Amino acid sequence: MKCPYCGSIDTRTTNSRPLDSSSVVRRRRECPECAKRFTTYERIEDIPLMVSKTDNQREPFDRNKLRDGIVLACRKRPIDQALIEKIVSEIENELNEYVLEVPSRIIGEKVLKKLLEVDPIAYIRFASVYYQYADIDTFYNEIKRIKEIKEK
């Protein structure tokens, strides 16, 4: 830490303690060059992950929105809440490889992959919204494809 009085970069910490919120740390420092003391406050810089949508809009990643979409697809299916939370956590952890921005397409594909492993009906429900099936034939072809995958 650079001394605000003399500019020396060799300061030492004499006292350190967290403030009310655990994300802020108050440190008392002393400069060995000029012997002056000063206080610093350190915070973790939280840069939210942004989701780029297909219409080029951007919005912060929202875990609750992800969970709500999965819950809706799994409604009235034999899938417990703990499994849904596990899926949401796994997807959120997989998104850590993206630094500032992730395309919504990537999130949707990760959800589809997880739902296909868990429940084909939940997969079809989510896919019907995600892919915005235009007609019954497209929907039917997707169901046939899923059936072939499950039979293998």
N, C-alpha and C. Protein backbone atom coordinates (compact mmCIF):
# COMPACT_ATOMS: atom_id res chain seq x y z
N MET A 1 0.86 -1.18 0.00
CA MET A 1 0.00 0.00 0.00
C MET A 1 0.89 1.23 0.00
N LYS A 2 0.58 2.15 -0.84
CA LYS A 2 1.37 3.38 -0.96
C LYS A 2 0.98 4.37 0.15
N CYS A 3 1.97 4.95 0.81
CA CYS A 3 1.75 5.93 1.86
C CYS A 3 1.19 7.21 1.25
N PRO A 4 0.06 7.72 1.76
CA PRO A 4 -0.52 8.95 1.19
C PRO A 4 0.28 10.20 1.55
N TYR A 5 1.21 10.11 2.50
CA TYR A 5 1.97 11.28 2.94
C TYR A 5 3.30 11.43 2.21
N CYS A 6 4.09 10.33 2.16
CA CYS A 6 5.41 10.44 1.55
C CYS A 6 5.54 9.67 0.24
N GLY A 7 4.57 8.81 -0.08
CA GLY A 7 4.60 8.07 -1.33
C GLY A 7 5.37 6.76 -1.27
N SER A 8 5.89 6.41 -0.12
CA SER A 8 6.62 5.15 0.04
C SER A 8 5.66 3.98 -0.20
N ILE A 9 6.18 2.94 -0.87
CA ILE A 9 5.31 1.79 -1.13
C ILE A 9 5.54 0.66 -0.14
N ASP A 10 6.35 0.90 0.86
CA ASP A 10 6.65 -0.13 1.85
C ASP A 10 5.96 0.21 3.17
N THR A 11 4.64 0.01 3.25
CA THR A 11 3.91 0.24 4.49
C THR A 11 3.58 -1.10 5.14
N ARG A 12 3.32 -1.06 6.43
CA ARG A 12 2.97 -2.30 7.11
C ARG A 12 1.65 -2.15 7.83
N THR A 13 0.97 -3.27 7.98
CA THR A 13 -0.32 -3.29 8.66
C THR A 13 -0.09 -3.47 10.15
N THR A 14 -0.70 -2.58 10.95
CA THR A 14 -0.57 -2.70 12.41
C THR A 14 -1.82 -3.31 13.05
N ASN A 15 -2.97 -3.16 12.38
CA ASN A 15 -4.22 -3.69 12.91
C ASN A 15 -5.15 -3.96 11.74
N SER A 16 -5.90 -5.04 11.82
CA SER A 16 -6.82 -5.40 10.74
C SER A 16 -8.07 -6.00 11.35
N ARG A 17 -9.25 -5.53 10.90
CA ARG A 17 -10.50 -6.13 11.40
C ARG A 17 -11.62 -5.91 10.40
N PRO A 18 -12.53 -6.87 10.34
CA PRO A 18 -13.68 -6.71 9.44
C PRO A 18 -14.67 -5.70 10.02
N LEU A 19 -15.36 -4.99 9.14
CA LEU A 19 -16.40 -4.06 9.59
C LEU A 19 -17.73 -4.80 9.68
N ASP A 20 -18.80 -4.06 9.80
CA ASP A 20 -20.13 -4.65 9.97
C ASP A 20 -20.40 -5.72 8.92
N SER A 21 -20.20 -5.37 7.67
CA SER A 21 -20.37 -6.39 6.62
C SER A 21 -19.02 -7.07 6.43
N SER A 22 -19.05 -8.37 6.25
CA SER A 22 -17.80 -9.11 6.16
C SER A 22 -17.01 -8.84 4.89
N SER A 23 -17.60 -8.11 3.94
CA SER A 23 -16.89 -7.86 2.69
C SER A 23 -15.99 -6.62 2.78
N VAL A 24 -15.99 -5.93 3.91
CA VAL A 24 -15.15 -4.75 4.09
C VAL A 24 -14.19 -4.99 5.25
N VAL A 25 -12.91 -4.72 5.01
CA VAL A 25 -11.88 -4.89 6.04
C VAL A 25 -11.22 -3.54 6.29
N ARG A 26 -11.17 -3.15 7.56
CA ARG A 26 -10.50 -1.90 7.96
C ARG A 26 -9.09 -2.26 8.41
N ARG A 27 -8.11 -1.55 7.86
CA ARG A 27 -6.71 -1.82 8.24
C ARG A 27 -6.05 -0.51 8.69
N ARG A 28 -5.36 -0.58 9.82
CA ARG A 28 -4.51 0.51 10.29
C ARG A 28 -3.12 0.23 9.76
N ARG A 29 -2.52 1.21 9.13
CA ARG A 29 -1.20 1.02 8.54
C ARG A 29 -0.24 2.07 9.06
N GLU A 30 1.06 1.72 8.95
CA GLU A 30 2.10 2.64 9.36
C GLU A 30 3.21 2.64 8.32
N CYS A 31 3.70 3.83 8.04
CA CYS A 31 4.78 3.97 7.06
C CYS A 31 6.13 4.00 7.79
N PRO A 32 7.04 3.10 7.46
CA PRO A 32 8.36 3.11 8.12
C PRO A 32 9.24 4.29 7.70
N GLU A 33 8.93 4.91 6.56
CA GLU A 33 9.73 6.05 6.08
C GLU A 33 9.43 7.33 6.86
N CYS A 34 8.14 7.69 6.95
CA CYS A 34 7.77 8.95 7.60
C CYS A 34 7.12 8.74 8.97
N ALA A 35 6.88 7.49 9.36
CA ALA A 35 6.31 7.11 10.66
C ALA A 35 4.87 7.58 10.86
N LYS A 36 4.20 7.97 9.79
CA LYS A 36 2.81 8.39 9.90
C LYS A 36 1.91 7.18 9.77
N ARG A 37 0.72 7.29 10.39
CA ARG A 37 -0.26 6.22 10.34
C ARG A 37 -1.47 6.66 9.53
N PHE A 38 -2.10 5.68 8.91
CA PHE A 38 -3.33 5.95 8.14
C PHE A 38 -4.19 4.70 8.11
N THR A 39 -5.44 4.89 7.72
CA THR A 39 -6.42 3.80 7.69
C THR A 39 -6.84 3.54 6.26
N THR A 40 -6.98 2.27 5.92
CA THR A 40 -7.51 1.89 4.60
C THR A 40 -8.72 1.00 4.80
N TYR A 41 -9.61 1.03 3.83
CA TYR A 41 -10.78 0.16 3.81
C TYR A 41 -10.73 -0.65 2.53
N GLU A 42 -10.73 -1.95 2.67
CA GLU A 42 -10.63 -2.83 1.51
C GLU A 42 -11.96 -3.54 1.28
N ARG A 43 -12.39 -3.52 0.03
CA ARG A 43 -13.63 -4.19 -0.37
C ARG A 43 -13.34 -5.13 -1.52
N ILE A 44 -14.09 -6.23 -1.55
CA ILE A 44 -14.00 -7.12 -2.69
C ILE A 44 -14.76 -6.47 -3.83
N GLU A 45 -14.11 -6.37 -4.96
CA GLU A 45 -14.76 -5.77 -6.12
C GLU A 45 -15.64 -6.83 -6.77
N ASP A 46 -16.92 -6.55 -6.76
CA ASP A 46 -17.89 -7.50 -7.30
C ASP A 46 -18.36 -6.99 -8.67
N ILE A 47 -17.87 -7.64 -9.70
CA ILE A 47 -18.27 -7.29 -11.06
C ILE A 47 -19.31 -8.32 -11.50
N PRO A 48 -20.55 -7.89 -11.67
CA PRO A 48 -21.59 -8.86 -12.01
C PRO A 48 -21.40 -9.44 -13.41
N LEU A 49 -21.74 -10.71 -13.52
CA LEU A 49 -21.71 -11.38 -14.82
C LEU A 49 -22.91 -10.87 -15.62
N MET A 50 -22.67 -10.40 -16.81
CA MET A 50 -23.74 -9.89 -17.66
C MET A 50 -24.15 -10.97 -18.65
N VAL A 51 -25.45 -11.02 -18.92
CA VAL A 51 -26.00 -11.97 -19.88
C VAL A 51 -26.37 -11.19 -21.13
N SER A 52 -25.80 -11.58 -22.27
CA SER A 52 -26.15 -10.93 -23.53
C SER A 52 -27.27 -11.73 -24.19
N LYS A 53 -28.37 -11.04 -24.42
CA LYS A 53 -29.56 -11.68 -24.97
C LYS A 53 -29.49 -11.69 -26.50
N THR A 54 -30.40 -12.42 -27.12
CA THR A 54 -30.38 -12.53 -28.58
C THR A 54 -30.75 -11.21 -29.26
N ASP A 55 -31.45 -10.33 -28.55
CA ASP A 55 -31.80 -9.02 -29.13
C ASP A 55 -30.76 -7.95 -28.80
N ASN A 56 -29.55 -8.39 -28.40
CA ASN A 56 -28.41 -7.54 -28.08
C ASN A 56 -28.58 -6.73 -26.80
N GLN A 57 -29.61 -6.99 -26.02
CA GLN A 57 -29.72 -6.36 -24.71
C GLN A 57 -28.82 -7.11 -23.74
N ARG A 58 -28.44 -6.41 -22.68
CA ARG A 58 -27.61 -7.03 -21.65
C ARG A 58 -28.28 -6.82 -20.30
N GLU A 59 -28.21 -7.84 -19.46
CA GLU A 59 -28.75 -7.72 -18.10
C GLU A 59 -27.88 -8.54 -17.17
N PRO A 60 -27.85 -8.18 -15.88
CA PRO A 60 -27.04 -8.96 -14.93
C PRO A 60 -27.58 -10.38 -14.79
N PHE A 61 -26.67 -11.33 -14.60
CA PHE A 61 -27.07 -12.71 -14.37
C PHE A 61 -27.89 -12.78 -13.09
N ASP A 62 -29.01 -13.48 -13.14
CA ASP A 62 -29.91 -13.59 -12.00
C ASP A 62 -30.18 -15.07 -11.71
N ARG A 63 -29.62 -15.54 -10.62
CA ARG A 63 -29.78 -16.94 -10.22
C ARG A 63 -31.26 -17.29 -10.03
N ASN A 64 -32.02 -16.36 -9.47
CA ASN A 64 -33.44 -16.61 -9.23
C ASN A 64 -34.22 -16.77 -10.54
N LYS A 65 -33.85 -16.01 -11.53
CA LYS A 65 -34.52 -16.12 -12.83
C LYS A 65 -34.22 -17.49 -13.46
N LEU A 66 -32.98 -17.95 -13.31
CA LEU A 66 -32.60 -19.27 -13.80
C LEU A 66 -33.41 -20.35 -13.08
N ARG A 67 -33.46 -20.24 -11.74
CA ARG A 67 -34.21 -21.22 -10.95
C ARG A 67 -35.69 -21.21 -11.33
N ASP A 68 -36.28 -20.03 -11.49
CA ASP A 68 -37.70 -19.93 -11.84
C ASP A 68 -38.02 -20.62 -13.16
N GLY A 69 -37.14 -20.48 -14.15
CA GLY A 69 -37.34 -21.13 -15.44
C GLY A 69 -37.29 -22.64 -15.32
N ILE A 70 -36.37 -23.13 -14.52
CA ILE A 70 -36.25 -24.58 -14.32
C ILE A 70 -37.44 -25.11 -13.52
N VAL A 71 -37.83 -24.38 -12.49
CA VAL A 71 -38.99 -24.79 -11.68
C VAL A 71 -40.24 -24.87 -12.54
N LEU A 72 -40.42 -23.90 -13.42
CA LEU A 72 -41.59 -23.90 -14.30
C LEU A 72 -41.59 -25.12 -15.22
N ALA A 73 -40.43 -25.46 -15.75
CA ALA A 73 -40.33 -26.63 -16.64
C ALA A 73 -40.57 -27.93 -15.87
N CYS A 74 -40.23 -27.95 -14.58
CA CYS A 74 -40.35 -29.17 -13.77
C CYS A 74 -41.66 -29.24 -13.00
N ARG A 75 -42.53 -28.28 -13.22
CA ARG A 75 -43.80 -28.24 -12.47
C ARG A 75 -44.62 -29.51 -12.71
N LYS A 76 -45.13 -30.06 -11.63
CA LYS A 76 -45.95 -31.28 -11.64
C LYS A 76 -45.18 -32.50 -12.17
N ARG A 77 -43.88 -32.48 -12.00
CA ARG A 77 -43.03 -33.61 -12.36
C ARG A 77 -42.40 -34.14 -11.08
N PRO A 78 -41.99 -35.40 -11.05
CA PRO A 78 -41.40 -35.97 -9.82
C PRO A 78 -39.94 -35.55 -9.62
N ILE A 79 -39.74 -34.25 -9.54
CA ILE A 79 -38.38 -33.71 -9.36
C ILE A 79 -38.41 -32.85 -8.10
N ASP A 80 -37.57 -33.22 -7.12
CA ASP A 80 -37.61 -32.47 -5.86
C ASP A 80 -36.80 -31.17 -5.95
N GLN A 81 -37.10 -30.29 -5.02
CA GLN A 81 -36.49 -28.95 -5.00
C GLN A 81 -34.97 -29.03 -4.82
N ALA A 82 -34.50 -30.02 -4.08
CA ALA A 82 -33.06 -30.16 -3.86
C ALA A 82 -32.33 -30.43 -5.18
N LEU A 83 -32.93 -31.22 -6.05
CA LEU A 83 -32.32 -31.50 -7.35
C LEU A 83 -32.31 -30.25 -8.22
N ILE A 84 -33.37 -29.47 -8.15
CA ILE A 84 -33.42 -28.21 -8.92
C ILE A 84 -32.34 -27.27 -8.43
N GLU A 85 -32.17 -27.16 -7.11
CA GLU A 85 -31.11 -26.31 -6.55
C GLU A 85 -29.73 -26.79 -6.98
N LYS A 86 -29.56 -28.11 -7.04
CA LYS A 86 -28.28 -28.68 -7.47
C LYS A 86 -28.01 -28.29 -8.93
N ILE A 87 -29.03 -28.38 -9.78
CA ILE A 87 -28.87 -28.02 -11.19
C ILE A 87 -28.50 -26.55 -11.32
N VAL A 88 -29.20 -25.69 -10.59
CA VAL A 88 -28.92 -24.25 -10.64
C VAL A 88 -27.49 -23.97 -10.18
N SER A 89 -27.07 -24.60 -9.09
CA SER A 89 -25.71 -24.39 -8.58
C SER A 89 -24.65 -24.88 -9.57
N GLU A 90 -24.90 -26.04 -10.18
CA GLU A 90 -23.94 -26.56 -11.17
C GLU A 90 -23.81 -25.61 -12.35
N ILE A 91 -24.93 -25.12 -12.84
CA ILE A 91 -24.88 -24.18 -13.98
C ILE A 91 -24.17 -22.90 -13.58
N GLU A 92 -24.48 -22.39 -12.40
CA GLU A 92 -23.83 -21.16 -11.92
C GLU A 92 -22.32 -21.36 -11.80
N ASN A 93 -21.90 -22.52 -11.30
CA ASN A 93 -20.46 -22.81 -11.20
C ASN A 93 -19.82 -22.93 -12.58
N GLU A 94 -20.52 -23.52 -13.53
CA GLU A 94 -19.99 -23.64 -14.88
C GLU A 94 -19.85 -22.27 -15.55
N LEU A 95 -20.66 -21.31 -15.13
CA LEU A 95 -20.59 -19.97 -15.71
C LEU A 95 -19.41 -19.16 -15.17
N ASN A 96 -18.73 -19.68 -14.15
CA ASN A 96 -17.57 -18.98 -13.60
C ASN A 96 -16.43 -18.84 -14.61
N GLU A 97 -16.43 -19.67 -15.65
CA GLU A 97 -15.37 -19.58 -16.66
C GLU A 97 -15.54 -18.34 -17.54
N TYR A 98 -16.72 -17.74 -17.51
CA TYR A 98 -16.97 -16.52 -18.25
C TYR A 98 -16.66 -15.33 -17.35
N VAL A 99 -15.87 -14.39 -17.85
CA VAL A 99 -15.38 -13.32 -17.01
C VAL A 99 -16.40 -12.19 -16.86
N LEU A 100 -16.78 -11.56 -17.92
CA LEU A 100 -17.68 -10.42 -17.82
C LEU A 100 -19.06 -10.68 -18.41
N GLU A 101 -19.12 -11.48 -19.46
CA GLU A 101 -20.37 -11.63 -20.19
C GLU A 101 -20.53 -13.06 -20.70
N VAL A 102 -21.76 -13.54 -20.66
CA VAL A 102 -22.07 -14.87 -21.18
C VAL A 102 -23.31 -14.73 -22.07
N PRO A 103 -23.30 -15.35 -23.23
CA PRO A 103 -24.49 -15.32 -24.08
C PRO A 103 -25.62 -16.13 -23.45
N SER A 104 -26.84 -15.66 -23.56
CA SER A 104 -28.00 -16.37 -22.99
C SER A 104 -28.13 -17.75 -23.62
N ARG A 105 -27.68 -17.88 -24.85
CA ARG A 105 -27.71 -19.17 -25.56
C ARG A 105 -26.94 -20.23 -24.79
N ILE A 106 -25.80 -19.87 -24.22
CA ILE A 106 -24.97 -20.81 -23.45
C ILE A 106 -25.73 -21.28 -22.21
N ILE A 107 -26.37 -20.35 -21.52
CA ILE A 107 -27.13 -20.71 -20.31
C ILE A 107 -28.26 -21.65 -20.68
N GLY A 108 -28.99 -21.32 -21.75
CA GLY A 108 -30.10 -22.16 -22.19
C GLY A 108 -29.64 -23.57 -22.55
N GLU A 109 -28.52 -23.67 -23.24
CA GLU A 109 -28.00 -24.99 -23.62
C GLU A 109 -27.58 -25.81 -22.40
N LYS A 110 -27.01 -25.14 -21.40
CA LYS A 110 -26.62 -25.84 -20.17
C LYS A 110 -27.86 -26.35 -19.43
N VAL A 111 -28.90 -25.54 -19.39
CA VAL A 111 -30.15 -25.96 -18.74
C VAL A 111 -30.73 -27.16 -19.48
N LEU A 112 -30.78 -27.08 -20.80
CA LEU A 112 -31.34 -28.18 -21.60
C LEU A 112 -30.56 -29.47 -21.37
N LYS A 113 -29.25 -29.38 -21.32
CA LYS A 113 -28.43 -30.57 -21.10
C LYS A 113 -28.74 -31.20 -19.75
N LYS A 114 -28.84 -30.38 -18.72
CA LYS A 114 -29.13 -30.90 -17.37
C LYS A 114 -30.53 -31.50 -17.31
N LEU A 115 -31.52 -30.81 -17.91
CA LEU A 115 -32.90 -31.31 -17.85
C LEU A 115 -33.06 -32.61 -18.64
N LEU A 116 -32.33 -32.76 -19.72
CA LEU A 116 -32.40 -33.99 -20.51
C LEU A 116 -31.93 -35.18 -19.67
N GLU A 117 -30.93 -34.97 -18.83
CA GLU A 117 -30.43 -36.03 -17.95
C GLU A 117 -31.44 -36.38 -16.86
N VAL A 118 -32.22 -35.39 -16.44
CA VAL A 118 -33.13 -35.56 -15.31
C VAL A 118 -34.52 -36.03 -15.71
N ASP A 119 -35.14 -35.33 -16.67
CA ASP A 119 -36.53 -35.62 -17.01
C ASP A 119 -36.83 -35.14 -18.44
N PRO A 120 -37.21 -36.05 -19.34
CA PRO A 120 -37.47 -35.64 -20.72
C PRO A 120 -38.67 -34.69 -20.87
N ILE A 121 -39.66 -34.80 -20.01
CA ILE A 121 -40.81 -33.91 -20.09
C ILE A 121 -40.41 -32.49 -19.71
N ALA A 122 -39.62 -32.36 -18.65
CA ALA A 122 -39.13 -31.04 -18.25
C ALA A 122 -38.25 -30.45 -19.36
N TYR A 123 -37.46 -31.32 -19.99
CA TYR A 123 -36.64 -30.87 -21.12
C TYR A 123 -37.51 -30.31 -22.23
N ILE A 124 -38.55 -31.05 -22.63
CA ILE A 124 -39.42 -30.61 -23.72
C ILE A 124 -40.12 -29.30 -23.36
N ARG A 125 -40.55 -29.18 -22.13
CA ARG A 125 -41.21 -27.94 -21.70
C ARG A 125 -40.27 -26.75 -21.82
N PHE A 126 -39.04 -26.94 -21.33
CA PHE A 126 -38.07 -25.85 -21.40
C PHE A 126 -37.69 -25.57 -22.85
N ALA A 127 -37.48 -26.62 -23.63
CA ALA A 127 -37.08 -26.48 -25.03
C ALA A 127 -38.16 -25.77 -25.85
N SER A 128 -39.43 -26.04 -25.54
CA SER A 128 -40.51 -25.42 -26.32
C SER A 128 -40.50 -23.91 -26.16
N VAL A 129 -40.12 -23.43 -24.98
CA VAL A 129 -40.01 -21.99 -24.76
C VAL A 129 -38.69 -21.47 -25.32
N TYR A 130 -37.61 -22.20 -25.06
CA TYR A 130 -36.27 -21.77 -25.47
C TYR A 130 -36.14 -21.69 -26.99
N TYR A 131 -36.57 -22.75 -27.68
CA TYR A 131 -36.45 -22.79 -29.13
C TYR A 131 -37.62 -22.11 -29.85
N GLN A 132 -38.67 -21.79 -29.14
CA GLN A 132 -39.86 -21.14 -29.70
C GLN A 132 -40.35 -21.90 -30.93
N TYR A 133 -40.73 -23.17 -30.71
CA TYR A 133 -41.20 -24.00 -31.81
C TYR A 133 -42.34 -23.30 -32.54
N ALA A 134 -42.22 -23.22 -33.86
CA ALA A 134 -43.19 -22.49 -34.68
C ALA A 134 -44.39 -23.36 -35.07
N ASP A 135 -44.15 -24.68 -35.13
CA ASP A 135 -45.26 -25.54 -35.56
C ASP A 135 -45.18 -26.90 -34.86
N ILE A 136 -46.21 -27.68 -35.02
CA ILE A 136 -46.31 -28.98 -34.35
C ILE A 136 -45.28 -29.96 -34.90
N ASP A 137 -44.97 -29.88 -36.19
CA ASP A 137 -44.00 -30.80 -36.79
C ASP A 137 -42.62 -30.66 -36.14
N THR A 138 -42.18 -29.44 -35.92
CA THR A 138 -40.89 -29.20 -35.29
C THR A 138 -40.90 -29.77 -33.87
N PHE A 139 -41.99 -29.53 -33.17
CA PHE A 139 -42.15 -30.04 -31.82
C PHE A 139 -42.12 -31.57 -31.81
N TYR A 140 -42.83 -32.17 -32.73
CA TYR A 140 -42.90 -33.62 -32.85
C TYR A 140 -41.52 -34.21 -33.16
N ASN A 141 -40.79 -33.58 -34.07
CA ASN A 141 -39.44 -34.05 -34.42
C ASN A 141 -38.51 -34.00 -33.21
N GLU A 142 -38.65 -32.96 -32.39
CA GLU A 142 -37.82 -32.86 -31.19
C GLU A 142 -38.16 -33.98 -30.20
N ILE A 143 -39.42 -34.29 -30.07
CA ILE A 143 -39.84 -35.39 -29.19
C ILE A 143 -39.28 -36.72 -29.69
N LYS A 144 -39.32 -36.95 -31.00
CA LYS A 144 -38.75 -38.18 -31.58
C LYS A 144 -37.25 -38.24 -31.31
N ARG A 145 -36.56 -37.13 -31.46
CA ARG A 145 -35.13 -37.08 -31.22
C ARG A 145 -34.81 -37.43 -29.76
N ILE A 146 -35.56 -36.88 -28.84
CA ILE A 146 -35.36 -37.15 -27.41
C ILE A 146 -35.63 -38.62 -27.11
N LYS A 147 -36.66 -39.15 -27.71
CA LYS A 147 -37.00 -40.56 -27.49
C LYS A 147 -35.86 -41.46 -27.97
N GLU A 148 -35.28 -41.14 -29.12
CA GLU A 148 -34.14 -41.93 -29.64
C GLU A 148 -32.94 -41.84 -28.70
N ILE A 149 -32.68 -40.65 -28.17
CA ILE A 149 -31.56 -40.47 -27.24
C ILE A 149 -31.77 -41.30 -25.98
N LYS A 150 -32.98 -41.27 -25.46
CA LYS A 150 -33.28 -41.99 -24.21
C LYS A 150 -33.24 -43.51 -24.41
N GLU A 151 -33.57 -44.00 -25.62
CA GLU A 151 -33.54 -45.43 -25.89
C GLU A 151 -32.13 -45.97 -26.02
N LYS A 152 -31.16 -45.12 -26.34
CA LYS A 152 -29.77 -45.56 -26.50
C LYS A 152 -29.09 -45.81 -25.21
